[in-house]
């Protein structure tokens, strides 16, 4: 019995030393998480996102970004690195391009090229026939673009890109999800917004200091960028004219438009009638928020088996807002049947629901949602 107790004691000491001292890749920073608003007010619980119709993707998964092209066809970036092209009803599916990485966002320029934010490869341009891929930017000076996330092309041809984290590159940390978890747990706020000018080939930082810079959209007048800060549950309005602006320092060129959201904001998509659609990939977690001021506890979390990580449950949730920050639509599915909703692509007759990991493309008739 004494030997057994000794062995158990030594095991507990070893476990304690492992949980306290084993090296982890993050250096967590303390921050203050605002009290979660819950599902009340404009975000009151509803089931308006439930019962999605679905379009099979031929074995592909993760339709993270969807765009209706000028040719009337639907383009979808999926987890394999391919970009699919199809009719709006899902028929006639074909592989338009394959970057060999993971495209998380894309837009089209005036020449018809598909401009892609590839988390593994940087800012890419894919020819209109899908046959040629060119790297537009994969670094700023000597600093790599480690986590290209979302992109929008302005009317003047300039391209705006979010680099979600300058600390954790998906290519080095097991993929986009894994790298995002590390960055959000660390809260070092190294995300940034980048401008690339194809006319000159120049690339510059517009703003920095964001805790996982994610979705991006442009105002109708082209002067303001709307940017999701996933790690701090908010949306920024940042002037396109800003230059290397640190959002942690008060400045007239940047302001928080939506704050203290009930989940983790992911993509942004311009819709119809002035709407901007935002997807909340996961709901807030009381456990995660409770660790905000305890950096050591967040470091310890990474020493646990992945199944014990405090990943919030699935919960379908998308909202629409106006440029002045007014919420005009809120669609939810508490069952989370369609996982990790990232945004909505709105067409005159349908709402296509983007997702990180779904094995089909969900959609709703636009008339049923009355946004």
Protein backbone atom coordinates (compact mmCIF):
# COMPACT_ATOMS: atom_id res chain seq x y z
CA UNK A 1 0.00 0.00 0.00
CA UNK A 2 2.82 2.40 0.86
CA UNK A 3 4.45 1.74 -2.50
CA UNK A 4 1.14 2.33 -4.28
CA UNK A 5 0.65 5.63 -2.46
CA UNK A 6 4.20 6.64 -3.29
CA UNK A 7 3.65 5.87 -6.97
CA UNK A 8 0.39 7.80 -6.98
CA UNK A 9 2.05 10.73 -5.23
CA UNK A 10 4.88 10.84 -7.72
CA UNK A 11 2.38 10.62 -10.57
CA UNK A 12 0.43 13.58 -9.22
CA UNK A 13 3.61 15.59 -8.79
CA UNK A 14 4.61 14.76 -12.38
CA UNK A 15 1.14 15.70 -13.65
CA UNK A 16 1.25 18.98 -11.74
CA UNK A 17 4.69 19.78 -13.12
CA UNK A 18 3.51 18.97 -16.66
CA UNK A 19 0.41 21.19 -16.39
CA UNK A 20 2.44 24.04 -14.92
CA UNK A 21 5.72 23.86 -16.78
CA UNK A 22 5.46 21.99 -20.09
CA UNK A 23 6.31 24.39 -22.94
CA UNK A 24 3.42 25.67 -25.04
CA UNK A 25 3.59 27.87 -28.16
CA UNK A 26 1.55 30.73 -26.70
CA UNK A 27 2.50 33.60 -24.41
CA UNK A 28 -0.96 34.59 -23.15
CA UNK A 29 -1.75 38.24 -22.44
CA UNK A 30 -4.28 39.31 -19.82
CA UNK A 31 -7.29 41.22 -21.09
CA UNK A 32 -10.75 42.22 -19.89
CA UNK A 33 -13.61 40.35 -21.55
CA UNK A 34 -16.87 42.30 -21.34
CA UNK A 35 -19.82 40.47 -19.74
CA UNK A 36 -21.48 38.38 -22.46
CA UNK A 37 -24.81 39.93 -23.55
CA UNK A 38 -26.47 36.56 -24.06
CA UNK A 39 -29.27 35.98 -26.54
CA UNK A 40 -31.49 38.94 -25.72
CA UNK A 41 -32.80 42.07 -27.42
CA UNK A 42 -31.98 42.10 -31.13
CA UNK A 43 -30.23 38.76 -30.62
CA UNK A 44 -33.16 37.05 -28.90
CA UNK A 45 -33.24 33.29 -29.54
CA UNK A 46 -35.02 32.29 -32.74
CA UNK A 47 -35.01 29.47 -35.29
CA UNK A 48 -35.00 31.50 -38.51
CA UNK A 49 -31.83 29.73 -39.69
CA UNK A 50 -33.16 26.23 -39.03
CA UNK A 51 -34.31 23.86 -41.75
CA UNK A 52 -31.75 24.84 -44.37
CA UNK A 53 -31.99 23.39 -47.85
CA UNK A 54 -28.68 21.94 -48.95
CA UNK A 55 -26.56 21.61 -52.05
CA UNK A 56 -24.25 18.58 -52.09
CA UNK A 57 -20.61 19.42 -52.76
CA UNK A 58 -19.41 16.13 -54.19
CA UNK A 59 -17.43 15.09 -51.13
CA UNK A 60 -15.98 18.54 -50.47
CA UNK A 61 -16.54 20.36 -47.19
CA UNK A 62 -16.16 23.77 -45.62
CA UNK A 63 -17.80 26.26 -48.04
CA UNK A 64 -16.09 29.07 -46.14
CA UNK A 65 -16.69 31.79 -48.73
CA UNK A 66 -19.37 32.06 -51.43
CA UNK A 67 -19.62 34.67 -54.18
CA UNK A 68 -22.06 35.06 -57.05
CA UNK A 69 -19.85 35.98 -60.00
CA UNK A 70 -20.60 38.43 -62.79
CA UNK A 71 -21.13 35.41 -65.03
CA UNK A 72 -24.14 34.40 -62.92
CA UNK A 73 -22.35 31.38 -61.47
CA UNK A 74 -21.75 30.59 -57.84
CA UNK A 75 -18.15 30.24 -56.62
CA UNK A 76 -17.32 28.44 -53.38
CA UNK A 77 -13.97 28.06 -51.60
CA UNK A 78 -13.73 24.70 -49.81
CA UNK A 79 -11.33 23.07 -47.35
CA UNK A 80 -9.38 21.08 -49.94
CA UNK A 81 -7.98 24.28 -51.46
CA UNK A 82 -10.29 24.07 -54.44
CA UNK A 83 -12.67 26.73 -55.61
CA UNK A 84 -15.85 25.22 -57.00
CA UNK A 85 -18.05 26.79 -59.64
CA UNK A 86 -21.71 25.92 -60.19
CA UNK A 87 -25.13 27.15 -61.20
CA UNK A 88 -27.05 28.93 -58.43
CA UNK A 89 -29.09 25.75 -57.85
CA UNK A 90 -25.89 23.72 -57.39
CA UNK A 91 -25.99 21.96 -60.75
CA UNK A 92 -23.07 21.80 -63.16
CA UNK A 93 -20.43 21.74 -60.44
CA UNK A 94 -16.82 21.88 -61.55
CA UNK A 95 -13.44 22.73 -60.05
CA UNK A 96 -12.64 26.25 -61.18
CA UNK A 97 -9.20 26.37 -59.54
CA UNK A 98 -7.06 24.59 -56.96
CA UNK A 99 -4.51 26.65 -55.04
CA UNK A 100 -3.16 23.73 -53.04
CA UNK A 101 -3.69 25.83 -49.89
CA UNK A 102 -6.86 27.04 -48.18
CA UNK A 103 -8.73 30.01 -49.62
CA UNK A 104 -10.71 31.67 -46.84
CA UNK A 105 -11.97 34.68 -48.78
CA UNK A 106 -12.04 36.02 -52.33
CA UNK A 107 -13.41 38.75 -54.55
CA UNK A 108 -13.30 39.60 -58.25
CA UNK A 109 -11.40 42.53 -59.77
CA UNK A 110 -12.40 44.62 -62.77
CA UNK A 111 -10.47 42.35 -65.14
CA UNK A 112 -12.44 39.30 -63.98
CA UNK A 113 -9.59 37.79 -61.99
CA UNK A 114 -10.48 36.01 -58.77
CA UNK A 115 -8.48 37.66 -55.97
CA UNK A 116 -7.99 35.16 -53.15
CA UNK A 117 -6.81 35.27 -49.56
CA UNK A 118 -5.10 31.90 -49.14
CA UNK A 119 -4.20 31.16 -45.52
CA UNK A 120 -1.15 29.16 -46.62
CA UNK A 121 0.07 31.14 -49.62
CA UNK A 122 -0.91 34.78 -49.21
CA UNK A 123 -2.71 37.09 -51.63
CA UNK A 124 -3.33 35.38 -54.98
CA UNK A 125 -4.78 36.32 -58.36
CA UNK A 126 -6.43 33.55 -60.38
CA UNK A 127 -7.05 34.20 -64.06
CA UNK A 128 -10.61 34.40 -65.37
CA UNK A 129 -10.29 30.92 -66.88
CA UNK A 130 -8.99 29.48 -63.60
CA UNK A 131 -5.82 28.14 -65.21
CA UNK A 132 -3.18 30.57 -63.93
CA UNK A 133 -2.47 31.53 -60.33
CA UNK A 134 -0.15 34.43 -59.48
CA UNK A 135 1.10 35.45 -56.05
CA UNK A 136 0.39 39.16 -55.65
CA UNK A 137 1.83 39.45 -52.15
CA UNK A 138 3.09 37.02 -49.54
CA UNK A 139 5.06 39.49 -47.43
CA UNK A 140 5.44 43.14 -46.54
CA UNK A 141 9.10 43.97 -46.86
CA UNK A 142 10.72 41.02 -45.13
CA UNK A 143 7.71 40.23 -42.95
CA UNK A 144 5.60 37.29 -44.22
CA UNK A 145 1.83 37.43 -44.51
CA UNK A 146 1.27 34.46 -42.23
CA UNK A 147 -2.51 34.08 -42.17
CA UNK A 148 -4.27 35.66 -45.16
CA UNK A 149 -7.92 35.53 -44.20
CA UNK A 150 -10.33 37.84 -46.02
CA UNK A 151 -10.13 40.19 -48.97
CA UNK A 152 -12.10 42.88 -50.76
CA UNK A 153 -11.35 44.72 -54.01
CA UNK A 154 -12.11 48.45 -54.05
CA UNK A 155 -13.56 50.25 -57.09
CA UNK A 156 -10.17 51.91 -57.69
CA UNK A 157 -8.55 48.48 -57.96
CA UNK A 158 -6.78 48.49 -54.61
CA UNK A 159 -7.03 45.28 -52.62
CA UNK A 160 -7.61 45.13 -48.87
CA UNK A 161 -6.63 42.00 -46.99
CA UNK A 162 -6.75 40.81 -43.39
CA UNK A 163 -3.70 39.01 -42.02
CA UNK A 164 -5.37 37.35 -39.04
CA UNK A 165 -2.22 36.67 -37.02
CA UNK A 166 1.44 37.51 -37.42
CA UNK A 167 2.22 34.94 -34.71
CA UNK A 168 0.55 31.72 -35.86
CA UNK A 169 0.67 30.61 -39.48
CA UNK A 170 -1.70 27.76 -40.43
CA UNK A 171 1.07 26.19 -42.49
CA UNK A 172 3.16 25.79 -39.33
CA UNK A 173 0.54 25.06 -36.68
CA UNK A 174 -1.63 22.30 -38.10
CA UNK A 175 -4.18 24.26 -40.10
CA UNK A 176 -6.46 27.28 -39.97
CA UNK A 177 -8.55 26.16 -37.00
CA UNK A 178 -5.58 25.21 -34.86
CA UNK A 179 -3.75 28.47 -35.61
CA UNK A 180 -6.86 30.50 -34.84
CA UNK A 181 -7.29 28.81 -31.45
CA UNK A 182 -3.67 29.59 -30.54
CA UNK A 183 -3.99 33.23 -31.56
CA UNK A 184 -7.28 33.83 -29.75
CA UNK A 185 -6.08 32.07 -26.60
CA UNK A 186 -2.89 34.14 -26.60
CA UNK A 187 -4.62 37.51 -27.17
CA UNK A 188 -1.39 39.17 -28.28
CA UNK A 189 -3.45 41.06 -30.90
CA UNK A 190 -1.08 40.90 -33.86
CA UNK A 191 -3.71 40.83 -36.59
CA UNK A 192 -3.59 43.55 -39.23
CA UNK A 193 -5.24 45.03 -42.31
CA UNK A 194 -3.14 45.29 -45.45
CA UNK A 195 -3.53 47.26 -48.68
CA UNK A 196 -2.06 45.99 -51.95
CA UNK A 197 -2.02 48.23 -55.01
CA UNK A 198 -1.76 46.11 -58.19
CA UNK A 199 -0.97 49.20 -60.24
CA UNK A 200 2.31 49.80 -58.41
CA UNK A 201 2.89 46.43 -56.76
CA UNK A 202 3.18 48.18 -53.40
CA UNK A 203 1.88 46.70 -50.15
CA UNK A 204 1.37 48.54 -46.86
CA UNK A 205 -0.21 48.08 -43.44
CA UNK A 206 -3.42 50.05 -42.95
CA UNK A 207 -4.06 49.04 -39.34
CA UNK A 208 -2.67 46.64 -36.76
CA UNK A 209 -3.24 45.51 -33.18
CA UNK A 210 -6.31 43.33 -33.86
CA UNK A 211 -7.04 40.13 -31.97
CA UNK A 212 -7.47 37.82 -34.96
CA UNK A 213 -8.38 40.14 -37.83
CA UNK A 214 -11.02 38.31 -39.84
CA UNK A 215 -13.82 39.32 -42.22
CA UNK A 216 -13.55 42.54 -44.21
CA UNK A 217 -16.00 44.64 -46.23
CA UNK A 218 -15.88 48.06 -47.86
CA UNK A 219 -18.28 50.95 -47.35
CA UNK A 220 -20.35 52.10 -50.32
CA UNK A 221 -18.28 55.26 -50.67
CA UNK A 222 -15.02 53.29 -50.58
CA UNK A 223 -13.60 55.26 -47.65
CA UNK A 224 -14.17 52.84 -44.77
CA UNK A 225 -13.27 49.23 -44.10
CA UNK A 226 -15.41 47.13 -41.79
CA UNK A 227 -13.23 44.54 -40.07
CA UNK A 228 -14.15 41.72 -37.70
CA UNK A 229 -11.96 41.35 -34.63
CA UNK A 230 -12.84 37.76 -33.77
CA UNK A 231 -10.88 37.46 -30.53
CA UNK A 232 -12.63 40.42 -28.91
CA UNK A 233 -16.15 39.94 -30.29
CA UNK A 234 -16.38 43.19 -32.22
CA UNK A 235 -16.44 44.95 -35.58
CA UNK A 236 -14.26 47.95 -36.44
CA UNK A 237 -14.78 50.78 -38.91
CA UNK A 238 -11.33 51.79 -40.18
CA UNK A 239 -10.51 54.48 -42.74
CA UNK A 240 -8.85 53.17 -45.90
CA UNK A 241 -6.54 56.20 -45.66
CA UNK A 242 -5.12 55.03 -42.31
CA UNK A 243 -1.46 54.06 -42.31
CA UNK A 244 0.04 51.55 -39.84
CA UNK A 245 -2.61 52.63 -37.34
CA UNK A 246 -2.51 50.80 -33.99
CA UNK A 247 -6.17 50.31 -33.04
CA UNK A 248 -5.17 50.02 -29.38
CA UNK A 249 -4.46 53.76 -29.46
CA UNK A 250 -7.49 56.06 -29.81
CA UNK A 251 -7.56 57.69 -33.25
CA UNK A 252 -10.23 59.36 -35.39
CA UNK A 253 -9.53 56.94 -38.26
CA UNK A 254 -10.76 53.88 -36.35
CA UNK A 255 -13.76 53.20 -34.15
CA UNK A 256 -15.61 50.17 -32.84
CA UNK A 257 -18.87 49.87 -34.75
CA UNK A 258 -20.32 46.76 -33.07
CA UNK A 259 -19.09 45.69 -29.65
CA UNK A 260 -19.61 42.78 -27.27
CA UNK A 261 -21.26 40.44 -29.76
CA UNK A 262 -22.76 37.17 -28.46
CA UNK A 263 -20.32 35.05 -30.48
CA UNK A 264 -17.10 34.99 -32.47
CA UNK A 265 -17.52 37.12 -35.63
CA UNK A 266 -16.07 35.52 -38.74
CA UNK A 267 -16.77 36.67 -42.31
CA UNK A 268 -18.36 39.88 -43.60
CA UNK A 269 -20.31 40.03 -46.86
CA UNK A 270 -22.10 42.92 -48.51
CA UNK A 271 -25.72 42.04 -49.17
CA UNK A 272 -28.60 43.86 -50.83
CA UNK A 273 -30.23 47.16 -49.81
CA UNK A 274 -27.18 48.31 -47.85
CA UNK A 275 -26.97 45.27 -45.58
CA UNK A 276 -23.68 43.76 -44.42
CA UNK A 277 -23.91 40.13 -43.32
CA UNK A 278 -21.81 38.77 -40.48
CA UNK A 279 -21.53 35.17 -39.29
CA UNK A 280 -20.86 34.15 -35.70
CA UNK A 281 -18.91 30.91 -36.02
CA UNK A 282 -19.29 29.95 -32.36
CA UNK A 283 -21.16 31.35 -29.35
CA UNK A 284 -19.34 32.98 -26.46
CA UNK A 285 -17.96 30.67 -23.76
CA UNK A 286 -18.18 31.58 -20.08
CA UNK A 287 -15.12 29.39 -19.48
CA UNK A 288 -13.03 31.20 -22.09
CA UNK A 289 -14.20 34.65 -20.94
CA UNK A 290 -13.46 33.64 -17.37
CA UNK A 291 -9.83 32.96 -18.31
CA UNK A 292 -9.33 36.44 -19.84
CA UNK A 293 -7.52 37.78 -16.79
CA UNK A 294 -5.71 34.49 -16.07
CA UNK A 295 -3.05 34.03 -18.75
CA UNK A 296 -1.47 31.09 -16.89
CA UNK A 297 -4.77 29.21 -17.05
CA UNK A 298 -5.00 29.67 -20.81
CA UNK A 299 -1.47 28.32 -21.18
CA UNK A 300 -2.41 25.33 -19.04
CA UNK A 301 -5.42 24.66 -21.28
CA UNK A 302 -3.10 23.84 -24.17
CA UNK A 303 -1.42 21.17 -22.07
CA UNK A 304 -4.70 19.29 -21.88
CA UNK A 305 -5.87 16.77 -24.51
CA UNK A 306 -7.62 18.57 -27.35
CA UNK A 307 -10.96 16.98 -26.42
CA UNK A 308 -10.79 18.94 -23.16
CA UNK A 309 -10.22 22.32 -24.79
CA UNK A 310 -13.08 24.75 -24.01
CA UNK A 311 -14.40 24.89 -27.57
CA UNK A 312 -17.97 26.29 -27.52
CA UNK A 313 -20.80 24.12 -28.86
CA UNK A 314 -22.21 24.47 -32.35
CA UNK A 315 -24.79 27.24 -32.73
CA UNK A 316 -25.95 28.64 -36.06
CA UNK A 317 -26.06 32.44 -36.03
CA UNK A 318 -25.84 35.16 -38.69
CA UNK A 319 -26.77 38.81 -38.46
CA UNK A 320 -27.05 41.75 -40.84
CA UNK A 321 -26.22 45.36 -40.00
CA UNK A 322 -26.05 48.72 -41.74
CA UNK A 323 -23.02 50.94 -42.14
CA UNK A 324 -24.04 52.96 -39.10
CA UNK A 325 -24.08 49.83 -36.93
CA UNK A 326 -27.81 49.12 -36.77
CA UNK A 327 -28.76 45.42 -36.57
CA UNK A 328 -31.46 44.74 -39.18
CA UNK A 329 -31.58 40.93 -39.25
CA UNK A 330 -30.78 38.08 -36.86
CA UNK A 331 -31.09 34.44 -37.91
CA UNK A 332 -30.33 31.58 -35.54
CA UNK A 333 -30.40 27.82 -35.28
CA UNK A 334 -29.71 26.83 -31.66
CA UNK A 335 -29.34 23.18 -32.70
CA UNK A 336 -26.14 23.98 -34.61
CA UNK A 337 -27.14 21.44 -37.27
CA UNK A 338 -25.22 23.45 -39.87
CA UNK A 339 -21.82 23.98 -38.20
CA UNK A 340 -19.77 27.16 -37.85
CA UNK A 341 -21.85 29.64 -39.82
CA UNK A 342 -19.44 32.26 -41.11
CA UNK A 343 -21.61 34.64 -43.17
CA UNK A 344 -24.41 34.95 -45.72
CA UNK A 345 -24.14 35.45 -49.47
CA UNK A 346 -27.34 37.25 -50.43
CA UNK A 347 -28.81 37.09 -53.94
CA UNK A 348 -32.22 38.35 -55.10
CA UNK A 349 -33.85 34.98 -54.36
CA UNK A 350 -31.59 33.10 -51.94
CA UNK A 351 -29.43 33.37 -48.84
CA UNK A 352 -26.44 31.03 -49.08
CA UNK A 353 -24.96 30.19 -45.67
CA UNK A 354 -21.19 29.94 -45.47
CA UNK A 355 -19.56 27.45 -43.11
CA UNK A 356 -16.14 26.38 -41.87
CA UNK A 357 -16.79 22.65 -41.86
CA UNK A 358 -20.22 21.81 -43.34
CA UNK A 359 -20.30 19.02 -45.91
CA UNK A 360 -22.90 20.77 -48.01
CA UNK A 361 -23.85 24.32 -48.92
CA UNK A 362 -26.89 25.45 -46.94
CA UNK A 363 -29.38 27.96 -48.27
CA UNK A 364 -32.76 29.53 -47.60
CA UNK A 365 -35.24 31.21 -49.92
CA UNK A 366 -34.81 34.91 -49.29
CA UNK A 367 -38.57 35.38 -48.98
CA UNK A 368 -38.65 33.14 -45.89
CA UNK A 369 -36.19 35.23 -43.90
CA UNK A 370 -37.62 38.73 -44.48
CA UNK A 371 -34.32 40.45 -43.60
